[in-house]
Amino acid sequence: MSSDVQALAERLLNGLAPRLTLVLVKRFRIALHTAQDLVHDVIIEIVEGRVIREQPIDDLEAYVSTVVIHRAIDEYRRVQRLHGALRLSESHVEPANVEERLLTDERAEAVRRAVYDLPQPYHSIFTRLLEGDASLAEVARALNISPKGIYTQYQRGLELLRKKIDGS
């Protein structure tokens, strides 16, 4: 890594990362470790040049902030879709106090871990459903499985997720 790139990485990680992490925790109510991971991942991707940019960046900090916030919103939507699929809550209610927010964050983290730990083919199905906003029919085409087969595997996967989450 060149000294310029290393200096940029240190500037972003030491100066911008803590501020962005705080915004995600306070404004988006994301768990601290999840917010830190999200911010650091985006900064590393940008420093390593893995984030595709059409034009040069005039204000790097604004660009990083925008990418991080968009990723946080995407993560929030994935969790909400999964909560709906698992029927963890009948309707979204804002937690009234810190304890309830922490419980909500812990539940979301438990759901993420449970999806990650699912065996194949369930892991592939749920990952595609939650990360790509895909329908069951689209997942069926992508995995070359009949729609009925995907639906059956989806139902079995949901049952596994419910057992994992209820048992944790």
N, C-alpha and C. Protein backbone atom coordinates (compact mmCIF):
# COMPACT_ATOMS: atom_id res chain seq x y z
N MET A 1 0.85 -1.17 0.00
CA MET A 1 0.00 0.00 0.00
C MET A 1 0.90 1.24 0.00
N SER A 2 0.65 2.16 -0.90
CA SER A 2 1.47 3.36 -0.98
C SER A 2 1.21 4.24 0.24
N SER A 3 2.14 5.16 0.48
CA SER A 3 2.00 6.03 1.65
C SER A 3 0.80 6.97 1.52
N ASP A 4 0.47 7.39 0.27
CA ASP A 4 -0.71 8.24 0.07
C ASP A 4 -1.99 7.51 0.41
N VAL A 5 -2.08 6.26 -0.05
CA VAL A 5 -3.28 5.45 0.21
C VAL A 5 -3.38 5.15 1.70
N GLN A 6 -2.24 4.85 2.32
CA GLN A 6 -2.24 4.56 3.75
C GLN A 6 -2.65 5.81 4.55
N ALA A 7 -2.17 6.97 4.15
CA ALA A 7 -2.54 8.21 4.83
C ALA A 7 -4.04 8.48 4.68
N LEU A 8 -4.58 8.22 3.48
CA LEU A 8 -6.01 8.39 3.25
C LEU A 8 -6.81 7.45 4.14
N ALA A 9 -6.39 6.19 4.19
CA ALA A 9 -7.09 5.20 5.03
C ALA A 9 -7.07 5.62 6.49
N GLU A 10 -5.93 6.06 6.98
CA GLU A 10 -5.83 6.48 8.38
C GLU A 10 -6.71 7.71 8.64
N ARG A 11 -6.71 8.66 7.69
CA ARG A 11 -7.55 9.86 7.86
C ARG A 11 -9.03 9.49 7.96
N LEU A 12 -9.46 8.59 7.07
CA LEU A 12 -10.87 8.20 7.08
C LEU A 12 -11.21 7.35 8.30
N LEU A 13 -10.35 6.41 8.64
CA LEU A 13 -10.64 5.51 9.76
C LEU A 13 -10.55 6.22 11.11
N ASN A 14 -9.62 7.16 11.23
CA ASN A 14 -9.45 7.85 12.52
C ASN A 14 -10.33 9.07 12.65
N GLY A 15 -10.63 9.75 11.54
CA GLY A 15 -11.40 10.98 11.62
C GLY A 15 -12.87 10.80 11.32
N LEU A 16 -13.17 10.16 10.20
CA LEU A 16 -14.56 10.06 9.75
C LEU A 16 -15.29 8.86 10.37
N ALA A 17 -14.63 7.75 10.49
CA ALA A 17 -15.29 6.52 10.95
C ALA A 17 -16.00 6.68 12.29
N PRO A 18 -15.36 7.25 13.31
CA PRO A 18 -16.09 7.38 14.59
C PRO A 18 -17.34 8.25 14.48
N ARG A 19 -17.27 9.32 13.69
CA ARG A 19 -18.44 10.20 13.54
C ARG A 19 -19.57 9.46 12.82
N LEU A 20 -19.24 8.75 11.75
CA LEU A 20 -20.26 8.00 11.01
C LEU A 20 -20.86 6.89 11.86
N THR A 21 -20.03 6.22 12.62
CA THR A 21 -20.51 5.15 13.50
C THR A 21 -21.52 5.71 14.49
N LEU A 22 -21.21 6.86 15.05
CA LEU A 22 -22.12 7.49 16.01
C LEU A 22 -23.45 7.86 15.35
N VAL A 23 -23.40 8.35 14.12
CA VAL A 23 -24.63 8.69 13.39
C VAL A 23 -25.48 7.43 13.20
N LEU A 24 -24.85 6.32 12.81
CA LEU A 24 -25.60 5.08 12.58
C LEU A 24 -26.23 4.57 13.87
N VAL A 25 -25.49 4.65 14.96
CA VAL A 25 -26.01 4.16 16.24
C VAL A 25 -27.15 5.04 16.73
N LYS A 26 -26.96 6.36 16.69
CA LYS A 26 -27.98 7.26 17.23
C LYS A 26 -29.16 7.44 16.29
N ARG A 27 -28.89 7.70 15.04
CA ARG A 27 -29.97 8.05 14.11
C ARG A 27 -30.68 6.83 13.56
N PHE A 28 -29.90 5.78 13.21
CA PHE A 28 -30.50 4.60 12.59
C PHE A 28 -30.72 3.47 13.58
N ARG A 29 -30.27 3.68 14.82
CA ARG A 29 -30.43 2.68 15.89
C ARG A 29 -29.84 1.33 15.51
N ILE A 30 -28.67 1.38 14.91
CA ILE A 30 -27.95 0.16 14.55
C ILE A 30 -27.03 -0.18 15.71
N ALA A 31 -26.88 -1.47 15.99
CA ALA A 31 -25.99 -1.91 17.06
C ALA A 31 -24.58 -1.39 16.79
N LEU A 32 -23.87 -1.06 17.85
CA LEU A 32 -22.54 -0.45 17.72
C LEU A 32 -21.59 -1.30 16.88
N HIS A 33 -21.49 -2.58 17.17
CA HIS A 33 -20.54 -3.43 16.42
C HIS A 33 -20.95 -3.54 14.95
N THR A 34 -22.23 -3.55 14.67
CA THR A 34 -22.71 -3.61 13.29
C THR A 34 -22.38 -2.30 12.58
N ALA A 35 -22.58 -1.17 13.25
CA ALA A 35 -22.27 0.14 12.66
C ALA A 35 -20.78 0.26 12.38
N GLN A 36 -19.95 -0.16 13.32
CA GLN A 36 -18.50 -0.10 13.11
C GLN A 36 -18.09 -0.95 11.91
N ASP A 37 -18.62 -2.16 11.84
CA ASP A 37 -18.29 -3.05 10.72
C ASP A 37 -18.70 -2.44 9.39
N LEU A 38 -19.89 -1.89 9.34
CA LEU A 38 -20.41 -1.29 8.11
C LEU A 38 -19.52 -0.13 7.66
N VAL A 39 -19.20 0.77 8.57
CA VAL A 39 -18.37 1.93 8.23
C VAL A 39 -16.98 1.49 7.78
N HIS A 40 -16.36 0.60 8.53
CA HIS A 40 -15.01 0.15 8.18
C HIS A 40 -15.00 -0.58 6.84
N ASP A 41 -16.00 -1.41 6.58
CA ASP A 41 -16.06 -2.13 5.31
C ASP A 41 -16.14 -1.16 4.13
N VAL A 42 -16.98 -0.15 4.24
CA VAL A 42 -17.12 0.83 3.16
C VAL A 42 -15.81 1.59 2.95
N ILE A 43 -15.19 2.03 4.03
CA ILE A 43 -13.93 2.78 3.90
C ILE A 43 -12.86 1.91 3.26
N ILE A 44 -12.76 0.66 3.67
CA ILE A 44 -11.75 -0.24 3.09
C ILE A 44 -12.03 -0.47 1.61
N GLU A 45 -13.30 -0.67 1.24
CA GLU A 45 -13.65 -0.85 -0.16
C GLU A 45 -13.27 0.37 -1.00
N ILE A 46 -13.49 1.54 -0.47
CA ILE A 46 -13.16 2.77 -1.20
C ILE A 46 -11.65 2.93 -1.32
N VAL A 47 -10.94 2.72 -0.23
CA VAL A 47 -9.48 2.86 -0.25
C VAL A 47 -8.86 1.85 -1.21
N GLU A 48 -9.38 0.63 -1.22
CA GLU A 48 -8.84 -0.40 -2.10
C GLU A 48 -9.35 -0.27 -3.53
N GLY A 49 -10.26 0.67 -3.76
CA GLY A 49 -10.75 0.90 -5.11
C GLY A 49 -11.80 -0.09 -5.57
N ARG A 50 -12.47 -0.78 -4.62
CA ARG A 50 -13.48 -1.76 -4.99
C ARG A 50 -14.85 -1.15 -5.19
N VAL A 51 -15.03 0.11 -4.80
CA VAL A 51 -16.29 0.80 -5.03
C VAL A 51 -16.18 1.49 -6.38
N ILE A 52 -17.12 1.18 -7.26
CA ILE A 52 -17.08 1.71 -8.62
C ILE A 52 -17.60 3.14 -8.62
N ARG A 53 -16.81 4.03 -9.19
CA ARG A 53 -17.19 5.43 -9.28
C ARG A 53 -17.16 5.85 -10.75
N GLU A 54 -18.20 6.55 -11.15
CA GLU A 54 -18.29 7.02 -12.54
C GLU A 54 -17.45 8.27 -12.74
N GLN A 55 -17.37 9.13 -11.72
CA GLN A 55 -16.67 10.40 -11.84
C GLN A 55 -15.71 10.55 -10.65
N PRO A 56 -14.72 11.41 -10.79
CA PRO A 56 -13.83 11.68 -9.65
C PRO A 56 -14.63 12.24 -8.48
N ILE A 57 -14.14 11.99 -7.29
CA ILE A 57 -14.83 12.44 -6.08
C ILE A 57 -14.22 13.77 -5.64
N ASP A 58 -15.08 14.78 -5.53
CA ASP A 58 -14.61 16.09 -5.08
C ASP A 58 -14.52 16.13 -3.55
N ASP A 59 -15.55 15.62 -2.88
CA ASP A 59 -15.60 15.64 -1.43
C ASP A 59 -15.68 14.19 -0.94
N LEU A 60 -14.52 13.63 -0.61
CA LEU A 60 -14.44 12.22 -0.25
C LEU A 60 -15.26 11.90 1.00
N GLU A 61 -15.22 12.76 2.00
CA GLU A 61 -15.96 12.49 3.23
C GLU A 61 -17.47 12.45 2.98
N ALA A 62 -17.96 13.35 2.14
CA ALA A 62 -19.39 13.34 1.81
C ALA A 62 -19.75 12.08 1.05
N TYR A 63 -18.88 11.66 0.15
CA TYR A 63 -19.12 10.45 -0.63
C TYR A 63 -19.16 9.22 0.29
N VAL A 64 -18.17 9.10 1.17
CA VAL A 64 -18.13 7.96 2.11
C VAL A 64 -19.38 7.98 2.99
N SER A 65 -19.76 9.15 3.48
CA SER A 65 -20.96 9.26 4.32
C SER A 65 -22.20 8.79 3.58
N THR A 66 -22.32 9.20 2.33
CA THR A 66 -23.48 8.81 1.52
C THR A 66 -23.51 7.31 1.31
N VAL A 67 -22.39 6.70 0.97
CA VAL A 67 -22.33 5.25 0.75
C VAL A 67 -22.68 4.51 2.03
N VAL A 68 -22.13 4.95 3.15
CA VAL A 68 -22.41 4.29 4.44
C VAL A 68 -23.89 4.39 4.78
N ILE A 69 -24.49 5.54 4.62
CA ILE A 69 -25.90 5.71 4.95
C ILE A 69 -26.78 4.86 4.04
N HIS A 70 -26.45 4.78 2.76
CA HIS A 70 -27.21 3.94 1.85
C HIS A 70 -27.10 2.47 2.25
N ARG A 71 -25.92 2.04 2.64
CA ARG A 71 -25.75 0.65 3.10
C ARG A 71 -26.53 0.40 4.38
N ALA A 72 -26.57 1.37 5.27
CA ALA A 72 -27.33 1.22 6.52
C ALA A 72 -28.82 1.08 6.22
N ILE A 73 -29.30 1.87 5.29
CA ILE A 73 -30.71 1.77 4.89
C ILE A 73 -31.00 0.41 4.27
N ASP A 74 -30.10 -0.07 3.42
CA ASP A 74 -30.27 -1.40 2.82
C ASP A 74 -30.31 -2.48 3.89
N GLU A 75 -29.41 -2.38 4.88
CA GLU A 75 -29.37 -3.35 5.98
C GLU A 75 -30.68 -3.32 6.77
N TYR A 76 -31.18 -2.12 7.05
CA TYR A 76 -32.43 -1.97 7.77
C TYR A 76 -33.58 -2.65 7.00
N ARG A 77 -33.63 -2.42 5.69
CA ARG A 77 -34.68 -3.03 4.87
C ARG A 77 -34.58 -4.55 4.86
N ARG A 78 -33.35 -5.08 4.79
CA ARG A 78 -33.17 -6.55 4.82
C ARG A 78 -33.70 -7.13 6.13
N VAL A 79 -33.35 -6.48 7.22
CA VAL A 79 -33.80 -6.97 8.53
C VAL A 79 -35.32 -6.90 8.63
N GLN A 80 -35.92 -5.81 8.14
CA GLN A 80 -37.37 -5.69 8.20
C GLN A 80 -38.05 -6.78 7.37
N ARG A 81 -37.51 -7.08 6.18
CA ARG A 81 -38.09 -8.15 5.36
C ARG A 81 -38.00 -9.49 6.07
N LEU A 82 -36.86 -9.73 6.70
CA LEU A 82 -36.69 -10.99 7.40
C LEU A 82 -37.62 -11.07 8.61
N HIS A 83 -37.74 -10.00 9.33
CA HIS A 83 -38.67 -9.98 10.47
C HIS A 83 -40.09 -10.27 9.99
N GLY A 84 -40.47 -9.69 8.87
CA GLY A 84 -41.80 -9.95 8.32
C GLY A 84 -41.96 -11.40 7.92
N ALA A 85 -40.92 -11.97 7.32
CA ALA A 85 -40.98 -13.36 6.89
C ALA A 85 -41.08 -14.30 8.09
N LEU A 86 -40.43 -13.95 9.17
CA LEU A 86 -40.45 -14.81 10.36
C LEU A 86 -41.60 -14.48 11.31
N ARG A 87 -42.35 -13.44 10.95
CA ARG A 87 -43.46 -12.98 11.79
C ARG A 87 -42.99 -12.70 13.22
N LEU A 88 -41.82 -12.04 13.33
CA LEU A 88 -41.31 -11.70 14.65
C LEU A 88 -42.09 -10.54 15.25
N SER A 89 -42.67 -9.73 14.40
CA SER A 89 -43.52 -8.66 14.91
C SER A 89 -44.67 -8.46 13.95
N GLU A 90 -45.85 -8.28 14.49
CA GLU A 90 -47.03 -8.09 13.66
C GLU A 90 -46.99 -6.73 12.97
N SER A 91 -46.48 -5.74 13.66
CA SER A 91 -46.34 -4.42 13.06
C SER A 91 -45.09 -3.77 13.64
N HIS A 92 -44.50 -2.86 12.88
CA HIS A 92 -43.29 -2.20 13.35
C HIS A 92 -43.67 -1.13 14.37
N VAL A 93 -43.13 -1.25 15.58
CA VAL A 93 -43.36 -0.29 16.63
C VAL A 93 -41.99 0.20 17.09
N GLU A 94 -41.82 1.51 17.14
CA GLU A 94 -40.55 2.06 17.60
C GLU A 94 -40.36 1.71 19.07
N PRO A 95 -39.19 1.17 19.43
CA PRO A 95 -38.93 0.88 20.84
C PRO A 95 -39.00 2.16 21.67
N ALA A 96 -39.62 2.04 22.84
CA ALA A 96 -39.86 3.22 23.66
C ALA A 96 -38.64 3.61 24.51
N ASN A 97 -37.79 2.65 24.82
CA ASN A 97 -36.66 2.98 25.67
C ASN A 97 -35.42 2.22 25.23
N VAL A 98 -34.32 2.49 25.90
CA VAL A 98 -33.03 1.91 25.50
C VAL A 98 -33.06 0.39 25.60
N GLU A 99 -33.67 -0.16 26.65
CA GLU A 99 -33.70 -1.61 26.82
C GLU A 99 -34.42 -2.29 25.66
N GLU A 100 -35.56 -1.69 25.26
CA GLU A 100 -36.31 -2.26 24.13
C GLU A 100 -35.52 -2.16 22.84
N ARG A 101 -34.80 -1.04 22.64
CA ARG A 101 -33.97 -0.90 21.43
C ARG A 101 -32.87 -1.95 21.42
N LEU A 102 -32.24 -2.16 22.57
CA LEU A 102 -31.19 -3.18 22.64
C LEU A 102 -31.75 -4.56 22.35
N LEU A 103 -32.92 -4.85 22.87
CA LEU A 103 -33.56 -6.13 22.60
C LEU A 103 -33.85 -6.28 21.11
N THR A 104 -34.33 -5.19 20.48
CA THR A 104 -34.60 -5.21 19.03
C THR A 104 -33.31 -5.46 18.26
N ASP A 105 -32.22 -4.78 18.64
CA ASP A 105 -30.93 -4.98 17.97
C ASP A 105 -30.44 -6.41 18.16
N GLU A 106 -30.60 -6.94 19.37
CA GLU A 106 -30.17 -8.32 19.64
C GLU A 106 -30.99 -9.30 18.80
N ARG A 107 -32.28 -9.06 18.70
CA ARG A 107 -33.14 -9.93 17.90
C ARG A 107 -32.73 -9.89 16.42
N ALA A 108 -32.46 -8.69 15.92
CA ALA A 108 -32.02 -8.55 14.52
C ALA A 108 -30.70 -9.28 14.31
N GLU A 109 -29.79 -9.16 15.27
CA GLU A 109 -28.50 -9.85 15.15
C GLU A 109 -28.71 -11.37 15.20
N ALA A 110 -29.61 -11.84 16.04
CA ALA A 110 -29.90 -13.27 16.12
C ALA A 110 -30.46 -13.78 14.79
N VAL A 111 -31.32 -12.98 14.17
CA VAL A 111 -31.89 -13.36 12.87
C VAL A 111 -30.79 -13.43 11.82
N ARG A 112 -29.90 -12.41 11.80
CA ARG A 112 -28.79 -12.42 10.82
C ARG A 112 -27.91 -13.65 11.00
N ARG A 113 -27.58 -13.96 12.27
CA ARG A 113 -26.74 -15.14 12.53
C ARG A 113 -27.45 -16.42 12.11
N ALA A 114 -28.73 -16.50 12.39
CA ALA A 114 -29.50 -17.70 12.03
C ALA A 114 -29.52 -17.90 10.52
N VAL A 115 -29.72 -16.83 9.75
CA VAL A 115 -29.70 -16.94 8.29
C VAL A 115 -28.32 -17.37 7.81
N TYR A 116 -27.29 -16.77 8.39
CA TYR A 116 -25.92 -17.11 8.01
C TYR A 116 -25.61 -18.59 8.28
N ASP A 117 -26.16 -19.12 9.37
CA ASP A 117 -25.88 -20.51 9.77
C ASP A 117 -26.76 -21.54 9.09
N LEU A 118 -27.73 -21.11 8.30
CA LEU A 118 -28.60 -22.07 7.62
C LEU A 118 -27.79 -22.97 6.69
N PRO A 119 -28.15 -24.26 6.63
CA PRO A 119 -27.48 -25.14 5.67
C PRO A 119 -27.97 -24.84 4.25
N GLN A 120 -27.21 -25.32 3.28
CA GLN A 120 -27.65 -25.19 1.88
C GLN A 120 -28.81 -26.15 1.67
N PRO A 121 -29.76 -25.90 0.85
CA PRO A 121 -29.92 -24.77 -0.06
C PRO A 121 -30.61 -23.58 0.60
N TYR A 122 -31.01 -23.71 1.87
CA TYR A 122 -31.79 -22.67 2.52
C TYR A 122 -31.01 -21.36 2.61
N HIS A 123 -29.71 -21.46 2.91
CA HIS A 123 -28.88 -20.26 3.02
C HIS A 123 -28.92 -19.48 1.70
N SER A 124 -28.74 -20.17 0.59
CA SER A 124 -28.74 -19.50 -0.72
C SER A 124 -30.09 -18.84 -1.00
N ILE A 125 -31.15 -19.52 -0.67
CA ILE A 125 -32.49 -18.99 -0.94
C ILE A 125 -32.72 -17.73 -0.12
N PHE A 126 -32.47 -17.79 1.19
CA PHE A 126 -32.74 -16.63 2.04
C PHE A 126 -31.80 -15.48 1.73
N THR A 127 -30.56 -15.78 1.41
CA THR A 127 -29.62 -14.72 1.06
C THR A 127 -30.09 -13.99 -0.19
N ARG A 128 -30.51 -14.72 -1.19
CA ARG A 128 -31.00 -14.09 -2.43
C ARG A 128 -32.29 -13.31 -2.18
N LEU A 129 -33.17 -13.86 -1.36
CA LEU A 129 -34.42 -13.17 -1.08
C LEU A 129 -34.19 -11.86 -0.33
N LEU A 130 -33.31 -11.89 0.64
CA LEU A 130 -33.15 -10.74 1.51
C LEU A 130 -32.18 -9.70 0.97
N GLU A 131 -31.17 -10.11 0.26
CA GLU A 131 -30.18 -9.15 -0.22
C GLU A 131 -30.53 -8.56 -1.56
N GLY A 132 -31.27 -9.30 -2.37
CA GLY A 132 -31.51 -8.80 -3.71
C GLY A 132 -32.92 -8.34 -3.99
N ASP A 133 -33.76 -8.28 -2.98
CA ASP A 133 -35.16 -7.91 -3.20
C ASP A 133 -35.81 -8.81 -4.24
N ALA A 134 -35.41 -10.07 -4.29
CA ALA A 134 -35.91 -10.99 -5.30
C ALA A 134 -37.17 -11.68 -4.80
N SER A 135 -38.02 -12.07 -5.73
CA SER A 135 -39.21 -12.85 -5.39
C SER A 135 -38.83 -14.33 -5.39
N LEU A 136 -39.73 -15.16 -4.89
CA LEU A 136 -39.46 -16.60 -4.92
C LEU A 136 -39.30 -17.09 -6.36
N ALA A 137 -40.10 -16.56 -7.29
CA ALA A 137 -40.00 -16.97 -8.70
C ALA A 137 -38.64 -16.60 -9.27
N GLU A 138 -38.13 -15.40 -8.93
CA GLU A 138 -36.82 -14.99 -9.43
C GLU A 138 -35.71 -15.85 -8.84
N VAL A 139 -35.82 -16.19 -7.57
CA VAL A 139 -34.83 -17.07 -6.94
C VAL A 139 -34.88 -18.45 -7.58
N ALA A 140 -36.08 -18.93 -7.88
CA ALA A 140 -36.23 -20.24 -8.53
C ALA A 140 -35.51 -20.25 -9.87
N ARG A 141 -35.70 -19.21 -10.66
CA ARG A 141 -35.01 -19.13 -11.96
C ARG A 141 -33.50 -19.07 -11.78
N ALA A 142 -33.05 -18.26 -10.83
CA ALA A 142 -31.61 -18.08 -10.61
C ALA A 142 -30.94 -19.37 -10.16
N LEU A 143 -31.64 -20.15 -9.35
CA LEU A 143 -31.07 -21.40 -8.83
C LEU A 143 -31.45 -22.61 -9.67
N ASN A 144 -32.23 -22.37 -10.74
CA ASN A 144 -32.66 -23.44 -11.64
C ASN A 144 -33.44 -24.52 -10.88
N ILE A 145 -34.38 -24.07 -10.07
CA ILE A 145 -35.24 -24.96 -9.28
C ILE A 145 -36.68 -24.55 -9.60
N SER A 146 -37.58 -25.51 -9.59
CA SER A 146 -38.98 -25.19 -9.88
C SER A 146 -39.54 -24.26 -8.80
N PRO A 147 -40.52 -23.43 -9.17
CA PRO A 147 -41.12 -22.54 -8.16
C PRO A 147 -41.70 -23.31 -6.97
N LYS A 148 -42.31 -24.47 -7.24
CA LYS A 148 -42.85 -25.28 -6.14
C LYS A 148 -41.72 -25.76 -5.23
N GLY A 149 -40.59 -26.16 -5.85
CA GLY A 149 -39.44 -26.61 -5.07
C GLY A 149 -38.88 -25.49 -4.20
N ILE A 150 -38.79 -24.30 -4.76
CA ILE A 150 -38.30 -23.15 -3.99
C ILE A 150 -39.24 -22.85 -2.84
N TYR A 151 -40.55 -22.89 -3.11
CA TYR A 151 -41.52 -22.60 -2.06
C TYR A 151 -41.39 -23.62 -0.92
N THR A 152 -41.25 -24.89 -1.26
CA THR A 152 -41.08 -25.94 -0.24
C THR A 152 -39.82 -25.70 0.57
N GLN A 153 -38.71 -25.40 -0.12
CA GLN A 153 -37.45 -25.16 0.59
C GLN A 153 -37.54 -23.89 1.44
N TYR A 154 -38.25 -22.90 0.94
CA TYR A 154 -38.45 -21.66 1.69
C TYR A 154 -39.21 -21.95 2.99
N GLN A 155 -40.28 -22.73 2.89
CA GLN A 155 -41.06 -23.08 4.08
C GLN A 155 -40.21 -23.86 5.08
N ARG A 156 -39.42 -24.81 4.58
CA ARG A 156 -38.54 -25.58 5.48
C ARG A 156 -37.48 -24.68 6.11
N GLY A 157 -36.94 -23.77 5.32
CA GLY A 157 -35.96 -22.82 5.84
C GLY A 157 -36.54 -21.92 6.91
N LEU A 158 -37.78 -21.45 6.70
CA LEU A 158 -38.45 -20.64 7.71
C LEU A 158 -38.60 -21.41 9.02
N GLU A 159 -38.97 -22.67 8.89
CA GLU A 159 -39.14 -23.50 10.08
C GLU A 159 -37.81 -23.66 10.82
N LEU A 160 -36.72 -23.88 10.07
CA LEU A 160 -35.39 -23.97 10.69
C LEU A 160 -35.02 -22.65 11.38
N LEU A 161 -35.30 -21.54 10.71
CA LEU A 161 -34.99 -20.23 11.31
C LEU A 161 -35.77 -20.01 12.60
N ARG A 162 -37.05 -20.35 12.56
CA ARG A 162 -37.88 -20.18 13.78
C ARG A 162 -37.31 -21.02 14.93
N LYS A 163 -36.93 -22.26 14.64
CA LYS A 163 -36.36 -23.13 15.67
C LYS A 163 -35.04 -22.57 16.21
N LYS A 164 -34.18 -22.11 15.30
CA LYS A 164 -32.89 -21.55 15.72
C LYS A 164 -33.09 -20.31 16.60
N ILE A 165 -33.99 -19.44 16.20
CA ILE A 165 -34.19 -18.19 16.93
C ILE A 165 -34.89 -18.44 18.25
N ASP A 166 -35.89 -19.30 18.24
CA ASP A 166 -36.59 -19.62 19.50
C ASP A 166 -35.69 -20.38 20.46
N GLY A 167 -34.74 -21.14 19.93
CA GLY A 167 -33.86 -21.93 20.77
C GLY A 167 -32.65 -21.17 21.26
N SER A 168 -32.39 -19.96 20.71
CA SER A 168 -31.19 -19.22 21.09
C SER A 168 -31.40 -18.34 22.30
